[in-house]
C-alpha atoms as a PDB file:
ATOM      1  CA  UNK A   1     -12.709 -28.108  25.271  1.00  0.00           C
ATOM      2  CA  UNK A   2     -12.932 -25.382  27.898  1.00  0.00           C
ATOM      3  CA  UNK A   3     -11.695 -25.484  31.449  1.00  0.00           C
ATOM      4  CA  UNK A   4     -14.298 -25.483  34.212  1.00  0.00           C
ATOM      5  CA  UNK A   5     -14.621 -22.268  36.154  1.00  0.00           C
ATOM      6  CA  UNK A   6     -12.618 -22.424  39.354  1.00  0.00           C
ATOM      7  CA  UNK A   7     -14.711 -22.434  42.502  1.00  0.00           C
ATOM      8  CA  UNK A   8     -14.160 -19.051  44.194  1.00  0.00           C
ATOM      9  CA  UNK A   9     -14.871 -20.565  47.627  1.00  0.00           C
ATOM     10  CA  UNK A  10     -17.953 -18.464  48.411  1.00  0.00           C
ATOM     11  CA  UNK A  11     -16.585 -17.629  51.854  1.00  0.00           C
ATOM     12  CA  UNK A  12     -16.823 -21.123  53.282  1.00  0.00           C
ATOM     13  CA  UNK A  13     -13.846 -20.684  55.576  1.00  0.00           C
ATOM     14  CA  UNK A  14     -13.258 -20.411  59.308  1.00  0.00           C
ATOM     15  CA  UNK A  15     -12.478 -16.708  58.870  1.00  0.00           C
ATOM     16  CA  UNK A  16     -15.766 -15.998  57.094  1.00  0.00           C
ATOM     17  CA  UNK A  17     -17.895 -18.067  59.461  1.00  0.00           C
ATOM     18  CA  UNK A  18     -16.329 -16.465  62.534  1.00  0.00           C
ATOM     19  CA  UNK A  19     -16.874 -12.977  61.144  1.00  0.00           C
ATOM     20  CA  UNK A  20     -20.503 -13.684  60.260  1.00  0.00           C
ATOM     21  CA  UNK A  21     -21.295 -15.226  63.660  1.00  0.00           C
ATOM     22  CA  UNK A  22     -19.800 -12.256  65.513  1.00  0.00           C
ATOM     23  CA  UNK A  23     -21.644  -9.765  63.301  1.00  0.00           C
ATOM     24  CA  UNK A  24     -24.937 -11.650  63.685  1.00  0.00           C
ATOM     25  CA  UNK A  25     -24.498 -11.488  67.460  1.00  0.00           C
ATOM     26  CA  UNK A  26     -23.986  -7.717  67.196  1.00  0.00           C
ATOM     27  CA  UNK A  27     -27.142  -7.321  65.122  1.00  0.00           C
ATOM     28  CA  UNK A  28     -29.102  -9.532  67.507  1.00  0.00           C
ATOM     29  CA  UNK A  29     -27.949  -7.581  70.549  1.00  0.00           C
ATOM     30  CA  UNK A  30     -28.692  -4.245  68.912  1.00  0.00           C
ATOM     31  CA  UNK A  31     -32.115  -5.371  67.710  1.00  0.00           C
ATOM     32  CA  UNK A  32     -33.168  -6.742  71.097  1.00  0.00           C
ATOM     33  CA  UNK A  33     -31.868  -3.662  72.865  1.00  0.00           C
ATOM     34  CA  UNK A  34     -33.767  -1.443  70.444  1.00  0.00           C
ATOM     35  CA  UNK A  35     -36.983  -3.306  71.219  1.00  0.00           C
ATOM     36  CA  UNK A  36     -36.529  -2.840  74.989  1.00  0.00           C
ATOM     37  CA  UNK A  37     -35.001   0.659  74.907  1.00  0.00           C
ATOM     38  CA  UNK A  38     -38.104   2.382  76.263  1.00  0.00           C
ATOM     39  CA  UNK A  39     -37.934   0.421  79.542  1.00  0.00           C
ATOM     40  CA  UNK A  40     -34.455   1.363  80.757  1.00  0.00           C
ATOM     41  CA  UNK A  41     -31.545   3.588  79.653  1.00  0.00           C
ATOM     42  CA  UNK A  42     -29.148   0.629  79.843  1.00  0.00           C
ATOM     43  CA  UNK A  43     -30.816  -0.767  76.726  1.00  0.00           C
ATOM     44  CA  UNK A  44     -29.861   2.367  74.786  1.00  0.00           C
ATOM     45  CA  UNK A  45     -26.225   1.715  75.672  1.00  0.00           C
ATOM     46  CA  UNK A  46     -26.592  -1.879  74.510  1.00  0.00           C
ATOM     47  CA  UNK A  47     -27.786  -0.643  71.110  1.00  0.00           C
ATOM     48  CA  UNK A  48     -24.423   1.084  70.677  1.00  0.00           C
ATOM     49  CA  UNK A  49     -22.530  -1.952  72.002  1.00  0.00           C
ATOM     50  CA  UNK A  50     -24.284  -4.090  69.384  1.00  0.00           C
ATOM     51  CA  UNK A  51     -23.443  -1.520  66.711  1.00  0.00           C
ATOM     52  CA  UNK A  52     -19.775  -1.613  67.772  1.00  0.00           C
ATOM     53  CA  UNK A  53     -19.628  -5.423  67.634  1.00  0.00           C
ATOM     54  CA  UNK A  54     -20.509  -5.514  63.917  1.00  0.00           C
ATOM     55  CA  UNK A  55     -17.315  -3.847  62.592  1.00  0.00           C
ATOM     56  CA  UNK A  56     -15.288  -5.780  65.184  1.00  0.00           C
ATOM     57  CA  UNK A  57     -16.615  -8.986  63.585  1.00  0.00           C
ATOM     58  CA  UNK A  58     -15.536  -7.790  60.153  1.00  0.00           C
ATOM     59  CA  UNK A  59     -12.098  -6.929  61.509  1.00  0.00           C
ATOM     60  CA  UNK A  60     -11.771 -10.372  63.111  1.00  0.00           C
ATOM     61  CA  UNK A  61     -12.619 -11.947  59.751  1.00  0.00           C
ATOM     62  CA  UNK A  62      -9.926  -9.945  57.975  1.00  0.00           C
ATOM     63  CA  UNK A  63      -7.366 -10.790  60.660  1.00  0.00           C
ATOM     64  CA  UNK A  64      -8.185 -14.507  60.483  1.00  0.00           C
ATOM     65  CA  UNK A  65      -7.997 -14.445  56.674  1.00  0.00           C
ATOM     66  CA  UNK A  66      -4.566 -12.820  56.825  1.00  0.00           C
ATOM     67  CA  UNK A  67      -3.540 -15.426  59.434  1.00  0.00           C
ATOM     68  CA  UNK A  68      -4.249 -18.151  56.867  1.00  0.00           C
ATOM     69  CA  UNK A  69      -7.802 -19.197  57.718  1.00  0.00           C
ATOM     70  CA  UNK A  70      -9.392 -17.587  54.651  1.00  0.00           C
ATOM     71  CA  UNK A  71     -10.545 -19.375  51.486  1.00  0.00           C
ATOM     72  CA  UNK A  72      -7.091 -19.388  49.907  1.00  0.00           C
ATOM     73  CA  UNK A  73      -5.132 -19.534  53.156  1.00  0.00           C
ATOM     74  CA  UNK A  74      -2.630 -22.278  53.932  1.00  0.00           C
ATOM     75  CA  UNK A  75      -4.474 -23.327  57.118  1.00  0.00           C
ATOM     76  CA  UNK A  76      -7.818 -23.847  55.344  1.00  0.00           C
ATOM     77  CA  UNK A  77      -8.714 -27.272  53.965  1.00  0.00           C
ATOM     78  CA  UNK A  78     -11.904 -27.224  51.845  1.00  0.00           C
ATOM     79  CA  UNK A  79     -14.352 -30.051  52.331  1.00  0.00           C
ATOM     80  CA  UNK A  80     -15.518 -32.096  49.373  1.00  0.00           C
ATOM     81  CA  UNK A  81     -19.148 -31.703  48.434  1.00  0.00           C
END
């Protein structure tokens, strides 16, 4: 009899969700600013702000995972399905 494959977690952790939400906000801001960029120069600056938010979100996810909120972290309690 074989052992079942261990569930790798698939990123269902506070660290992953926080990172994804921040990065989605960056993409949303950049996309909206790109659509309105022809109306005002401030929108061009917001494109770059949105682009800067994306790697910040990834960094926040790594920091939270190292702080224990990742899939295998001590502060993460998986929910039963």
